[in-house]
């Protein structure tokens, strides 16, 4: 049985609590809008250093996540997880307009354009 970790640092803006003061400080950027990490390539700013690191792959072309089924590579873990649905046959993404289902969120976003004229 796992013990619930004590989270003594509570956010004054919402109900979230954190194990360390540093985690609370990082979280508070959600409320303040502070984005201290700036991309040297395009100037886009981020609230967390790891978000900047993930973004920088757009510029470098790095794709560290590869599919074990087909070896296709992705820049984000989320992209890989989305792609994995194409191998399982699952289609968890439903169009609110017509009820069609899609295996990836990007396929659904693409489809929705036919309803919105985009």
C-alpha atoms as a PDB file:
ATOM      1  CA  UNK A   1       0.000   0.000   0.000  1.00  0.00           C
ATOM      2  CA  UNK A   2       1.391   3.414  -0.973  1.00  0.00           C
ATOM      3  CA  UNK A   3       1.264   6.311   1.427  1.00  0.00           C
ATOM      4  CA  UNK A   4      -0.180   9.540   0.178  1.00  0.00           C
ATOM      5  CA  UNK A   5       2.607  12.046   0.042  1.00  0.00           C
ATOM      6  CA  UNK A   6       2.123  15.014   2.329  1.00  0.00           C
ATOM      7  CA  UNK A   7       1.619  18.246   0.398  1.00  0.00           C
ATOM      8  CA  UNK A   8       2.059  21.122   2.846  1.00  0.00           C
ATOM      9  CA  UNK A   9       2.406  23.905   0.247  1.00  0.00           C
ATOM     10  CA  UNK A  10      -1.042  25.055  -0.826  1.00  0.00           C
ATOM     11  CA  UNK A  11      -1.770  27.500  -3.627  1.00  0.00           C
ATOM     12  CA  UNK A  12      -3.604  30.597  -2.431  1.00  0.00           C
ATOM     13  CA  UNK A  13      -5.410  30.941  -5.771  1.00  0.00           C
ATOM     14  CA  UNK A  14      -6.813  27.423  -6.174  1.00  0.00           C
ATOM     15  CA  UNK A  15      -7.147  24.143  -4.288  1.00  0.00           C
ATOM     16  CA  UNK A  16      -3.893  22.525  -5.460  1.00  0.00           C
ATOM     17  CA  UNK A  17      -1.196  21.528  -2.965  1.00  0.00           C
ATOM     18  CA  UNK A  18       2.442  20.584  -3.482  1.00  0.00           C
ATOM     19  CA  UNK A  19       5.217  18.600  -1.829  1.00  0.00           C
ATOM     20  CA  UNK A  20       7.840  21.339  -2.206  1.00  0.00           C
ATOM     21  CA  UNK A  21       7.860  25.123  -2.159  1.00  0.00           C
ATOM     22  CA  UNK A  22       9.569  25.076  -5.589  1.00  0.00           C
ATOM     23  CA  UNK A  23       6.683  23.058  -7.109  1.00  0.00           C
ATOM     24  CA  UNK A  24       4.244  25.629  -5.699  1.00  0.00           C
ATOM     25  CA  UNK A  25       6.275  28.504  -7.147  1.00  0.00           C
ATOM     26  CA  UNK A  26       6.307  26.880 -10.596  1.00  0.00           C
ATOM     27  CA  UNK A  27       2.541  26.223 -10.365  1.00  0.00           C
ATOM     28  CA  UNK A  28       1.799  29.834  -9.410  1.00  0.00           C
ATOM     29  CA  UNK A  29       2.935  30.915 -12.876  1.00  0.00           C
ATOM     30  CA  UNK A  30      -0.392  29.494 -14.099  1.00  0.00           C
ATOM     31  CA  UNK A  31      -2.106  32.271 -12.159  1.00  0.00           C
ATOM     32  CA  UNK A  32       0.426  35.087 -12.689  1.00  0.00           C
ATOM     33  CA  UNK A  33       1.043  34.419 -16.374  1.00  0.00           C
ATOM     34  CA  UNK A  34       4.804  34.637 -15.794  1.00  0.00           C
ATOM     35  CA  UNK A  35       6.806  33.011 -18.601  1.00  0.00           C
ATOM     36  CA  UNK A  36      10.504  33.417 -17.798  1.00  0.00           C
ATOM     37  CA  UNK A  37      11.872  30.915 -20.343  1.00  0.00           C
ATOM     38  CA  UNK A  38      12.311  32.399 -23.830  1.00  0.00           C
ATOM     39  CA  UNK A  39      13.151  30.579 -27.051  1.00  0.00           C
ATOM     40  CA  UNK A  40      16.287  32.031 -28.635  1.00  0.00           C
ATOM     41  CA  UNK A  41      15.061  31.090 -32.113  1.00  0.00           C
ATOM     42  CA  UNK A  42      11.568  32.585 -32.252  1.00  0.00           C
ATOM     43  CA  UNK A  43      11.081  34.500 -28.996  1.00  0.00           C
ATOM     44  CA  UNK A  44       8.155  32.425 -27.739  1.00  0.00           C
ATOM     45  CA  UNK A  45       8.056  32.310 -23.926  1.00  0.00           C
ATOM     46  CA  UNK A  46       7.197  29.479 -21.554  1.00  0.00           C
ATOM     47  CA  UNK A  47       6.333  29.116 -17.887  1.00  0.00           C
ATOM     48  CA  UNK A  48       8.485  26.012 -17.397  1.00  0.00           C
ATOM     49  CA  UNK A  49      11.978  25.125 -18.577  1.00  0.00           C
ATOM     50  CA  UNK A  50      10.888  21.680 -19.792  1.00  0.00           C
ATOM     51  CA  UNK A  51       8.158  23.284 -21.929  1.00  0.00           C
ATOM     52  CA  UNK A  52      10.826  25.408 -23.612  1.00  0.00           C
ATOM     53  CA  UNK A  53      12.947  22.291 -24.162  1.00  0.00           C
ATOM     54  CA  UNK A  54      10.024  20.475 -25.775  1.00  0.00           C
ATOM     55  CA  UNK A  55       9.273  23.516 -27.969  1.00  0.00           C
ATOM     56  CA  UNK A  56      12.883  23.774 -29.160  1.00  0.00           C
ATOM     57  CA  UNK A  57      12.468  20.431 -30.931  1.00  0.00           C
ATOM     58  CA  UNK A  58      10.334  22.332 -33.459  1.00  0.00           C
ATOM     59  CA  UNK A  59      13.486  24.189 -34.489  1.00  0.00           C
ATOM     60  CA  UNK A  60      15.978  21.310 -34.214  1.00  0.00           C
ATOM     61  CA  UNK A  61      13.761  18.667 -35.789  1.00  0.00           C
ATOM     62  CA  UNK A  62      14.619  16.269 -32.956  1.00  0.00           C
ATOM     63  CA  UNK A  63      12.099  13.435 -32.602  1.00  0.00           C
ATOM     64  CA  UNK A  64      13.157  11.325 -29.607  1.00  0.00           C
ATOM     65  CA  UNK A  65       9.976   9.234 -29.274  1.00  0.00           C
ATOM     66  CA  UNK A  66       9.708   6.279 -31.653  1.00  0.00           C
ATOM     67  CA  UNK A  67       6.896   3.799 -32.196  1.00  0.00           C
ATOM     68  CA  UNK A  68       7.842   0.198 -31.363  1.00  0.00           C
ATOM     69  CA  UNK A  69       5.373  -1.041 -33.995  1.00  0.00           C
ATOM     70  CA  UNK A  70       6.512   0.903 -37.064  1.00  0.00           C
ATOM     71  CA  UNK A  71       9.520   2.989 -35.918  1.00  0.00           C
ATOM     72  CA  UNK A  72       7.862   6.307 -36.860  1.00  0.00           C
ATOM     73  CA  UNK A  73       9.339   9.096 -34.703  1.00  0.00           C
ATOM     74  CA  UNK A  74       7.693  11.971 -32.848  1.00  0.00           C
ATOM     75  CA  UNK A  75       8.800  15.171 -31.158  1.00  0.00           C
ATOM     76  CA  UNK A  76       6.518  14.699 -28.154  1.00  0.00           C
ATOM     77  CA  UNK A  77       5.409  11.796 -26.013  1.00  0.00           C
ATOM     78  CA  UNK A  78       1.807  12.882 -26.610  1.00  0.00           C
ATOM     79  CA  UNK A  79       2.331  12.625 -30.357  1.00  0.00           C
ATOM     80  CA  UNK A  80       3.613   9.080 -29.953  1.00  0.00           C
ATOM     81  CA  UNK A  81       0.711   8.108 -27.683  1.00  0.00           C
ATOM     82  CA  UNK A  82      -1.760   9.562 -30.181  1.00  0.00           C
ATOM     83  CA  UNK A  83      -0.070   7.664 -33.020  1.00  0.00           C
ATOM     84  CA  UNK A  84      -0.160   4.404 -31.073  1.00  0.00           C
ATOM     85  CA  UNK A  85      -3.976   4.451 -31.379  1.00  0.00           C
ATOM     86  CA  UNK A  86      -3.591   3.812 -35.117  1.00  0.00           C
ATOM     87  CA  UNK A  87      -2.117   0.391 -34.307  1.00  0.00           C
ATOM     88  CA  UNK A  88      -4.685  -0.593 -31.673  1.00  0.00           C
ATOM     89  CA  UNK A  89      -7.727   0.175 -33.805  1.00  0.00           C
ATOM     90  CA  UNK A  90      -9.166   2.298 -30.988  1.00  0.00           C
ATOM     91  CA  UNK A  91     -10.879   5.522 -32.011  1.00  0.00           C
ATOM     92  CA  UNK A  92     -11.438   7.520 -28.821  1.00  0.00           C
ATOM     93  CA  UNK A  93     -11.830  10.962 -30.433  1.00  0.00           C
ATOM     94  CA  UNK A  94     -15.418  11.819 -31.402  1.00  0.00           C
ATOM     95  CA  UNK A  95     -16.597  14.706 -33.559  1.00  0.00           C
ATOM     96  CA  UNK A  96     -19.237  16.694 -31.675  1.00  0.00           C
ATOM     97  CA  UNK A  97     -20.848  17.734 -34.951  1.00  0.00           C
ATOM     98  CA  UNK A  98     -21.417  14.429 -36.745  1.00  0.00           C
ATOM     99  CA  UNK A  99     -20.451  11.682 -34.302  1.00  0.00           C
ATOM    100  CA  UNK A 100     -17.587  10.200 -36.360  1.00  0.00           C
ATOM    101  CA  UNK A 101     -14.683   8.728 -34.403  1.00  0.00           C
ATOM    102  CA  UNK A 102     -10.948   9.118 -35.022  1.00  0.00           C
ATOM    103  CA  UNK A 103      -7.863   7.366 -33.720  1.00  0.00           C
ATOM    104  CA  UNK A 104      -5.853  10.549 -33.113  1.00  0.00           C
ATOM    105  CA  UNK A 105      -6.648  14.035 -31.861  1.00  0.00           C
ATOM    106  CA  UNK A 106      -4.911  15.504 -34.914  1.00  0.00           C
ATOM    107  CA  UNK A 107      -7.139  13.476 -37.256  1.00  0.00           C
ATOM    108  CA  UNK A 108     -10.189  14.796 -35.413  1.00  0.00           C
ATOM    109  CA  UNK A 109      -8.896  18.399 -35.602  1.00  0.00           C
ATOM    110  CA  UNK A 110      -8.373  17.938 -39.335  1.00  0.00           C
ATOM    111  CA  UNK A 111     -11.877  16.534 -39.757  1.00  0.00           C
ATOM    112  CA  UNK A 112     -13.550  19.332 -37.757  1.00  0.00           C
ATOM    113  CA  UNK A 113     -12.358  21.783 -40.424  1.00  0.00           C
ATOM    114  CA  UNK A 114     -15.031  20.472 -42.800  1.00  0.00           C
ATOM    115  CA  UNK A 115     -17.678  21.653 -40.342  1.00  0.00           C
ATOM    116  CA  UNK A 116     -16.067  25.012 -39.558  1.00  0.00           C
ATOM    117  CA  UNK A 117     -14.986  25.877 -43.089  1.00  0.00           C
ATOM    118  CA  UNK A 118     -11.333  26.003 -42.015  1.00  0.00           C
END
